[in-house]
Protein backbone atom coordinates (compact mmCIF):
# COMPACT_ATOMS: atom_id res chain seq x y z
CA UNK A 1 -2.30 35.75 7.81
CA UNK A 2 -2.30 35.68 4.03
CA UNK A 3 -3.56 32.45 2.52
CA UNK A 4 -1.96 30.67 -0.43
CA UNK A 5 -4.93 31.58 -2.62
CA UNK A 6 -4.70 35.26 -1.64
CA UNK A 7 -0.96 35.29 -2.32
CA UNK A 8 -1.58 33.74 -5.70
CA UNK A 9 -4.24 36.35 -6.50
CA UNK A 10 -2.09 39.25 -5.37
CA UNK A 11 0.88 38.03 -7.40
CA UNK A 12 -1.33 37.60 -10.42
CA UNK A 13 -2.80 41.03 -10.00
CA UNK A 14 0.65 42.59 -9.81
CA UNK A 15 2.04 40.74 -12.82
CA UNK A 16 -1.09 40.61 -14.97
CA UNK A 17 -1.04 36.80 -14.93
CA UNK A 18 -4.43 35.05 -14.58
CA UNK A 19 -5.02 33.32 -11.26
CA UNK A 20 -5.79 29.62 -11.01
CA UNK A 21 -9.56 30.12 -10.87
CA UNK A 22 -9.44 32.05 -14.16
CA UNK A 23 -7.46 29.22 -15.72
CA UNK A 24 -10.18 26.89 -14.44
CA UNK A 25 -12.74 29.01 -16.28
CA UNK A 26 -10.56 28.79 -19.38
CA UNK A 27 -10.68 24.99 -19.21
CA UNK A 28 -14.46 25.17 -19.45
CA UNK A 29 -14.10 27.37 -22.50
CA UNK A 30 -11.81 24.84 -24.15
CA UNK A 31 -14.77 22.45 -23.94
CA UNK A 32 -17.17 25.18 -25.11
CA UNK A 33 -15.15 25.86 -28.28
CA UNK A 34 -14.68 22.12 -28.79
CA UNK A 35 -18.45 21.71 -28.59
CA UNK A 36 -19.00 24.48 -31.15
CA UNK A 37 -16.37 22.95 -33.44
CA UNK A 38 -17.95 19.49 -33.44
CA UNK A 39 -21.39 21.00 -33.95
CA UNK A 40 -20.29 23.03 -36.97
CA UNK A 41 -18.42 20.05 -38.44
CA UNK A 42 -21.67 18.08 -38.38
CA UNK A 43 -23.58 20.86 -40.17
CA UNK A 44 -21.11 22.67 -42.42
CA UNK A 45 -23.49 25.01 -44.22
CA UNK A 46 -23.99 28.77 -44.28
CA UNK A 47 -26.76 28.35 -41.73
CA UNK A 48 -24.48 26.21 -39.58
CA UNK A 49 -21.74 28.86 -39.77
CA UNK A 50 -24.18 31.62 -38.80
CA UNK A 51 -25.44 29.58 -35.85
CA UNK A 52 -21.90 28.88 -34.66
CA UNK A 53 -20.94 32.55 -34.86
CA UNK A 54 -23.96 33.60 -32.77
CA UNK A 55 -23.06 31.08 -30.07
CA UNK A 56 -19.37 32.01 -30.24
CA UNK A 57 -20.21 35.69 -29.71
CA UNK A 58 -22.37 34.73 -26.73
CA UNK A 59 -19.58 32.72 -25.09
CA UNK A 60 -17.00 35.43 -25.83
CA UNK A 61 -19.14 38.14 -24.23
CA UNK A 62 -19.56 36.14 -21.02
CA UNK A 63 -15.82 35.40 -20.90
CA UNK A 64 -14.94 39.07 -21.41
CA UNK A 65 -17.38 40.40 -18.82
CA UNK A 66 -16.26 37.80 -16.27
CA UNK A 67 -12.66 38.86 -16.84
CA UNK A 68 -13.61 42.49 -16.30
CA UNK A 69 -15.62 41.80 -13.11
CA UNK A 70 -12.71 39.85 -11.64
CA UNK A 71 -10.23 42.59 -12.41
CA UNK A 72 -12.51 45.44 -11.31
CA UNK A 73 -13.49 43.99 -7.93
CA UNK A 74 -10.16 42.40 -7.09
CA UNK A 75 -9.09 38.84 -7.77
CA UNK A 76 -7.88 38.46 -4.19
CA UNK A 77 -11.48 38.36 -2.88
CA UNK A 78 -12.79 34.86 -2.08
CA UNK A 79 -16.23 35.99 -3.26
CA UNK A 80 -14.79 36.92 -6.67
CA UNK A 81 -13.26 33.47 -7.01
CA UNK A 82 -16.60 31.94 -6.01
CA UNK A 83 -18.36 34.03 -8.63
CA UNK A 84 -15.95 32.91 -11.36
CA UNK A 85 -16.47 29.27 -10.38
CA UNK A 86 -20.22 29.82 -10.61
CA UNK A 87 -19.84 31.31 -14.09
CA UNK A 88 -17.68 28.33 -15.04
CA UNK A 89 -20.40 25.92 -13.90
CA UNK A 90 -23.11 27.77 -15.83
CA UNK A 91 -20.85 28.04 -18.88
CA UNK A 92 -20.32 24.28 -18.75
CA UNK A 93 -24.10 23.84 -18.88
CA UNK A 94 -24.27 26.23 -21.83
CA UNK A 95 -21.49 24.35 -23.63
CA UNK A 96 -23.27 21.06 -23.05
CA UNK A 97 -26.49 22.51 -24.45
CA UNK A 98 -24.77 24.17 -27.44
CA UNK A 99 -25.07 21.20 -29.85
CA UNK A 100 -28.84 21.29 -29.35
CA UNK A 101 -29.17 25.06 -28.95
CA UNK A 102 -31.05 25.31 -32.25
CA UNK A 103 -33.02 22.20 -31.43
CA UNK A 104 -34.67 20.98 -28.26
CA UNK A 105 -32.18 22.65 -25.89
CA UNK A 106 -32.67 26.20 -27.10
CA UNK A 107 -34.58 27.40 -24.06
CA UNK A 108 -32.04 25.83 -21.68
CA UNK A 109 -29.19 27.60 -23.47
CA UNK A 110 -31.02 30.94 -23.51
CA UNK A 111 -32.07 30.83 -19.85
CA UNK A 112 -28.57 29.84 -18.71
CA UNK A 113 -27.03 32.65 -20.76
CA UNK A 114 -29.46 35.23 -19.31
CA UNK A 115 -28.88 33.87 -15.79
CA UNK A 116 -25.11 34.38 -16.08
CA UNK A 117 -25.60 37.99 -17.12
CA UNK A 118 -28.03 38.89 -14.36
CA UNK A 119 -26.15 37.02 -11.65
CA UNK A 120 -23.01 38.96 -12.60
CA UNK A 121 -24.89 42.27 -12.36
CA UNK A 122 -26.40 41.37 -8.97
CA UNK A 123 -23.00 40.26 -7.69
CA UNK A 124 -21.36 43.48 -8.81
CA UNK A 125 -24.09 45.60 -7.22
CA UNK A 126 -23.67 43.77 -3.92
CA UNK A 127 -19.91 44.14 -3.71
CA UNK A 128 -19.07 47.35 -5.59
CA UNK A 129 -18.71 50.29 -3.17
CA UNK A 130 -18.56 53.10 -5.71
CA UNK A 131 -21.97 54.83 -6.25
CA UNK A 132 -21.03 55.30 -9.89
CA UNK A 133 -20.88 51.50 -10.17
CA UNK A 134 -24.56 51.25 -9.28
CA UNK A 135 -25.53 53.64 -12.05
CA UNK A 136 -23.26 51.86 -14.50
CA UNK A 137 -24.71 48.46 -13.68
CA UNK A 138 -28.20 49.89 -13.84
CA UNK A 139 -27.50 50.85 -17.44
CA UNK A 140 -26.10 47.42 -18.20
CA UNK A 141 -29.13 45.77 -16.57
CA UNK A 142 -31.47 47.66 -18.89
CA UNK A 143 -29.67 46.43 -22.01
CA UNK A 144 -29.20 42.93 -20.63
CA UNK A 145 -32.94 42.78 -19.99
CA UNK A 146 -33.57 43.65 -23.64
CA UNK A 147 -31.09 41.02 -24.72
CA UNK A 148 -32.60 38.43 -22.37
CA UNK A 149 -36.04 39.01 -23.87
CA UNK A 150 -34.59 38.22 -27.29
CA UNK A 151 -32.71 35.14 -26.12
CA UNK A 152 -35.67 33.64 -24.24
CA UNK A 153 -38.10 34.54 -27.02
CA UNK A 154 -35.80 32.81 -29.50
CA UNK A 155 -35.64 29.77 -27.24
CA UNK A 156 -39.43 29.54 -27.30
CA UNK A 157 -39.71 29.48 -31.09
CA UNK A 158 -38.47 26.88 -33.54
CA UNK A 159 -36.97 26.90 -37.00
CA UNK A 160 -35.10 29.71 -38.77
CA UNK A 161 -36.78 32.35 -36.60
CA UNK A 162 -34.62 31.35 -33.62
CA UNK A 163 -31.41 32.17 -35.48
CA UNK A 164 -32.75 35.57 -36.54
CA UNK A 165 -33.95 36.50 -33.05
CA UNK A 166 -30.75 35.38 -31.35
CA UNK A 167 -28.58 37.15 -33.94
CA UNK A 168 -30.51 40.36 -33.25
CA UNK A 169 -30.16 39.87 -29.47
CA UNK A 170 -26.39 39.39 -29.58
CA UNK A 171 -26.05 42.33 -32.00
CA UNK A 172 -27.95 44.53 -29.53
CA UNK A 173 -25.68 43.43 -26.67
CA UNK A 174 -22.46 44.12 -28.55
CA UNK A 175 -23.72 47.45 -29.89
CA UNK A 176 -24.74 48.52 -26.40
CA UNK A 177 -21.29 47.60 -25.06
CA UNK A 178 -19.54 49.59 -27.80
CA UNK A 179 -21.75 52.65 -27.14
CA UNK A 180 -21.32 52.47 -23.35
CA UNK A 181 -24.81 51.10 -22.56
CA UNK A 182 -26.61 54.47 -23.04
CA UNK A 183 -29.91 54.85 -21.16
CA UNK A 184 -32.05 58.02 -21.12
CA UNK A 185 -31.72 59.69 -17.74
CA UNK A 186 -28.75 57.52 -16.73
CA UNK A 187 -26.31 58.58 -19.43
CA UNK A 188 -23.65 56.27 -20.81
CA UNK A 189 -20.47 54.73 -19.47
CA UNK A 190 -17.22 56.53 -20.13
CA UNK A 191 -14.41 54.49 -21.61
CA UNK A 192 -12.15 55.07 -18.58
CA UNK A 193 -14.68 53.27 -16.37
CA UNK A 194 -13.76 50.04 -18.11
CA UNK A 195 -10.01 50.36 -18.08
CA UNK A 196 -8.00 47.49 -16.61
CA UNK A 197 -4.23 47.21 -16.38
CA UNK A 198 -2.70 46.79 -19.83
CA UNK A 199 -0.67 43.78 -18.75
CA UNK A 200 -3.71 42.00 -17.37
CA UNK A 201 -5.78 42.73 -20.47
CA UNK A 202 -3.13 41.53 -22.91
CA UNK A 203 -2.45 38.41 -20.83
CA UNK A 204 -6.13 37.45 -20.76
CA UNK A 205 -6.46 38.07 -24.51
CA UNK A 206 -3.49 35.79 -25.11
CA UNK A 207 -5.10 33.20 -22.87
CA UNK A 208 -8.31 33.31 -24.90
CA UNK A 209 -6.35 32.53 -28.07
CA UNK A 210 -4.57 29.70 -26.22
CA UNK A 211 -8.02 28.36 -25.26
CA UNK A 212 -8.94 28.29 -28.97
CA UNK A 213 -5.72 26.48 -29.84
CA UNK A 214 -6.45 24.00 -27.06
CA UNK A 215 -9.89 23.33 -28.52
CA UNK A 216 -8.34 22.81 -31.97
CA UNK A 217 -5.85 20.27 -30.61
CA UNK A 218 -8.56 18.52 -28.59
CA UNK A 219 -10.76 18.29 -31.70
CA UNK A 220 -7.94 16.90 -33.84
CA UNK A 221 -6.78 14.35 -31.29
CA UNK A 222 -10.30 13.20 -30.43
CA UNK A 223 -11.25 12.75 -34.07
CA UNK A 224 -8.07 10.82 -34.84
CA UNK A 225 -8.58 8.51 -31.86
CA UNK A 226 -12.16 7.71 -32.83
CA UNK A 227 -11.33 6.38 -36.32
CA UNK A 228 -9.24 3.57 -37.70
CA UNK A 229 -5.54 4.33 -37.71
CA UNK A 230 -4.26 4.57 -41.28
CA UNK A 231 -1.21 6.10 -42.91
CA UNK A 232 -3.43 8.61 -44.73
CA UNK A 233 -4.92 9.80 -41.46
CA UNK A 234 -1.42 9.99 -40.01
CA UNK A 235 -0.43 12.37 -42.80
CA UNK A 236 -3.55 14.43 -42.19
CA UNK A 237 -2.86 14.58 -38.45
CA UNK A 238 0.68 15.85 -39.08
CA UNK A 239 -0.51 18.53 -41.50
CA UNK A 240 -3.34 19.91 -39.38
CA UNK A 241 -1.24 19.89 -36.20
CA UNK A 242 1.50 21.81 -38.03
CA UNK A 243 -1.10 24.37 -39.11
CA UNK A 244 -2.06 24.95 -35.47
CA UNK A 245 1.61 25.26 -34.47
CA UNK A 246 2.29 27.79 -37.23
CA UNK A 247 -0.75 29.86 -36.28
CA UNK A 248 0.46 29.91 -32.69
CA UNK A 249 3.91 31.05 -33.86
CA UNK A 250 2.41 33.77 -36.05
CA UNK A 251 0.23 34.98 -33.19
CA UNK A 252 3.00 35.43 -30.64
CA UNK A 253 5.26 37.22 -33.14
CA UNK A 254 5.85 40.81 -32.02
CA UNK A 255 2.35 42.29 -31.76
CA UNK A 256 1.20 39.68 -29.28
CA UNK A 257 4.30 40.34 -27.20
CA UNK A 258 4.09 44.15 -27.42
CA UNK A 259 0.36 44.60 -26.81
CA UNK A 260 0.92 45.54 -23.16
CA UNK A 261 3.36 48.28 -24.16
CA UNK A 262 1.00 49.54 -26.86
CA UNK A 263 -1.87 49.89 -24.37
CA UNK A 264 0.38 51.71 -21.91
CA UNK A 265 1.57 54.19 -24.57
CA UNK A 266 -1.82 54.78 -26.16
CA UNK A 267 -3.55 58.16 -25.80
CA UNK A 268 -6.81 56.24 -25.19
CA UNK A 269 -6.00 52.88 -23.54
CA UNK A 270 -9.65 51.72 -23.16
CA UNK A 271 -10.30 52.32 -26.85
CA UNK A 272 -7.17 50.41 -27.81
CA UNK A 273 -8.22 47.63 -25.44
CA UNK A 274 -11.58 47.30 -27.19
CA UNK A 275 -9.88 47.30 -30.60
CA UNK A 276 -7.59 44.51 -29.43
CA UNK A 277 -10.66 42.57 -28.23
CA UNK A 278 -12.10 42.65 -31.75
CA UNK A 279 -8.78 41.46 -33.21
CA UNK A 280 -8.64 38.51 -30.85
CA UNK A 281 -12.26 37.53 -31.41
CA UNK A 282 -11.63 37.43 -35.18
CA UNK A 283 -8.53 35.29 -34.61
CA UNK A 284 -10.43 32.91 -32.32
CA UNK A 285 -13.12 32.53 -34.99
CA UNK A 286 -10.36 31.66 -37.47
CA UNK A 287 -8.90 29.06 -35.11
CA UNK A 288 -12.36 27.51 -34.69
CA UNK A 289 -12.57 27.29 -38.48
CA UNK A 290 -9.22 25.51 -38.57
CA UNK A 291 -10.43 23.13 -35.85
CA UNK A 292 -13.46 22.27 -37.99
CA UNK A 293 -11.18 21.71 -40.99
CA UNK A 294 -8.97 19.44 -38.87
CA UNK A 295 -11.97 17.35 -37.90
CA UNK A 296 -12.99 16.91 -41.54
CA UNK A 297 -9.53 16.24 -42.97
CA UNK A 298 -8.59 13.63 -40.37
CA UNK A 299 -11.83 11.73 -41.03
CA UNK A 300 -11.44 11.78 -44.84
CA UNK A 301 -8.02 12.93 -46.04
CA UNK A 302 -8.55 11.97 -49.66
CA UNK A 303 -11.45 12.23 -52.08
CA UNK A 304 -13.38 15.25 -53.32
CA UNK A 305 -13.19 18.59 -51.52
CA UNK A 306 -16.68 20.13 -51.38
CA UNK A 307 -16.87 23.93 -51.51
CA UNK A 308 -17.96 24.03 -47.86
CA UNK A 309 -14.82 22.10 -46.88
CA UNK A 310 -12.62 24.46 -48.91
CA UNK A 311 -14.27 27.36 -47.10
CA UNK A 312 -13.01 26.23 -43.68
CA UNK A 313 -9.71 24.76 -44.97
CA UNK A 314 -8.66 28.08 -46.49
CA UNK A 315 -11.10 30.47 -44.84
CA UNK A 316 -10.07 29.55 -41.30
CA UNK A 317 -6.41 30.53 -41.80
CA UNK A 318 -7.52 33.57 -43.82
CA UNK A 319 -9.79 34.79 -41.02
CA UNK A 320 -6.98 34.26 -38.53
CA UNK A 321 -4.62 36.34 -40.70
CA UNK A 322 -7.21 39.12 -40.96
CA UNK A 323 -7.47 39.28 -37.17
CA UNK A 324 -3.69 39.10 -36.89
CA UNK A 325 -3.31 41.93 -39.40
CA UNK A 326 -5.75 44.05 -37.40
CA UNK A 327 -3.66 43.38 -34.30
CA UNK A 328 -0.58 44.53 -36.23
CA UNK A 329 -2.35 47.80 -36.99
CA UNK A 330 -3.55 48.16 -33.41
CA UNK A 331 -0.04 47.78 -32.00
CA UNK A 332 2.23 49.15 -34.74
CA UNK A 333 -0.03 51.42 -36.79
CA UNK A 334 0.63 49.35 -39.91
CA UNK A 335 -0.12 45.91 -41.32
CA UNK A 336 2.68 43.47 -42.08
CA UNK A 337 2.98 42.76 -45.78
CA UNK A 338 3.32 39.05 -45.03
CA UNK A 339 -0.31 39.01 -43.76
CA UNK A 340 -1.57 40.58 -46.97
CA UNK A 341 0.53 38.28 -49.15
CA UNK A 342 -0.72 35.28 -47.17
CA UNK A 343 -4.33 36.27 -47.83
CA UNK A 344 -3.56 36.64 -51.54
CA UNK A 345 -1.95 33.18 -51.66
CA UNK A 346 -4.85 31.57 -49.82
CA UNK A 347 -7.29 33.20 -52.24
CA UNK A 348 -5.16 31.98 -55.14
CA UNK A 349 -5.31 28.43 -53.80
CA UNK A 350 -9.11 28.46 -53.68
CA UNK A 351 -9.68 27.48 -57.37
CA UNK A 352 -7.35 24.48 -56.97
CA UNK A 353 -9.34 23.16 -54.01
CA UNK A 354 -12.01 21.76 -56.32
CA UNK A 355 -9.53 19.30 -57.91
CA UNK A 356 -7.38 18.49 -54.86
CA UNK A 357 -8.14 16.14 -51.97
CA UNK A 358 -8.74 17.77 -48.55
CA UNK A 359 -5.32 16.90 -47.13
CA UNK A 360 -3.53 18.61 -50.04
CA UNK A 361 -5.69 21.71 -49.67
CA UNK A 362 -4.72 21.73 -45.99
CA UNK A 363 -1.08 21.29 -47.06
CA UNK A 364 -1.34 24.41 -49.25
CA UNK A 365 -2.67 26.37 -46.26
CA UNK A 366 0.18 25.00 -44.17
CA UNK A 367 2.78 26.12 -46.71
CA UNK A 368 1.32 29.65 -46.80
CA UNK A 369 1.43 29.87 -43.00
CA UNK A 370 4.98 28.49 -42.98
CA UNK A 371 6.09 31.20 -45.43
CA UNK A 372 4.59 33.86 -43.16
CA UNK A 373 6.30 32.39 -40.09
CA UNK A 374 9.65 32.41 -41.90
CA UNK A 375 9.09 35.99 -43.06
CA UNK A 376 8.34 36.97 -39.46
CA UNK A 377 11.55 35.34 -38.27
CA UNK A 378 13.64 37.14 -40.90
CA UNK A 379 11.95 40.47 -40.13
CA UNK A 380 12.68 40.03 -36.43
CA UNK A 381 16.39 39.70 -37.15
CA UNK A 382 16.58 42.55 -39.65
CA UNK A 383 14.10 45.15 -38.37
CA UNK A 384 13.52 45.35 -34.61
CA UNK A 385 10.25 47.17 -33.96
CA UNK A 386 8.58 48.84 -30.99
CA UNK A 387 4.93 49.42 -30.33
CA UNK A 388 3.50 52.54 -31.98
CA UNK A 389 -0.29 52.35 -31.71
CA UNK A 390 -2.33 54.42 -34.17
CA UNK A 391 -4.48 57.29 -33.01
CA UNK A 392 -7.76 55.39 -32.75
CA UNK A 393 -10.98 57.25 -32.34
């Protein structure tokens, strides 16, 4: 007899929709991004930005690999659901340790991160039946061991050295993944070994962006609730919430909807999938920047706008548009002119940020995003477009 959970998993696997346990994992990642946002807001400096990016890349890599393991082994397996719940629990511990990751909780963060990686490898080796899977995971284990050495070594030291060691460790992990985890004598993974259904991939990417939007809304609402209610803060809340809404609208416009078709039509679907992963990671970083800006603006809508504040107020939307433009190119083989014009307008608004209060700088960013959303709507009516992915490679 098929259980309700198995039916849910099978339906999700057929349609590409995430199953409930994956959505449970996503809830943990809403908290993880919220934690990173609040941490960066409390230390808005170039060092703080670099630290946040290192931690964001670490969380994103775990999320991506967990998604792949679930899809590769079969979401209908109870053991797979148990594994994802275990990753969620460990990720929750990592998210809780993130604010002190460059302080007294560095070793806890590093050990938990390494544990998630190795537990995933062990799990895959136990349940994967294909002999090629053992060789593939052996290659991954070698690189993960190198990365773990860096993470734990960084957790044992203090000061600026920790950031440098961890940045090197995460760079090694991402480089190894891009190159197929090459190991002398064991070869390297072929791109087709990592191919999942296009619909599942695109759906999970969309979900990751939704997680980032959820963290932005959680940050904004929490900050507003923790301070005295004033009309100025009400204005700020309306502006920053509208920014999030407009970014969501810009994301789902065309390329987000046609990503599945683009992957299916691509001459190299795995390569296109990896390209789309980069696009979405850039967009998520931009949304995190907007969440930080929301936190700052709601607390102090008026007054001076320090350069660091202007960086996230205008840089967050700009980074999102860069990722969105890359997604345009991935799906259509071209970049929408509205993305480029939006970046130009945001850059043009930068000099004015030094004489405007934070809420008005945020309002300028909102207007730019609104113009792009309107341009998208007009283009949809006038020029229907289908996916035409470029020849990547």
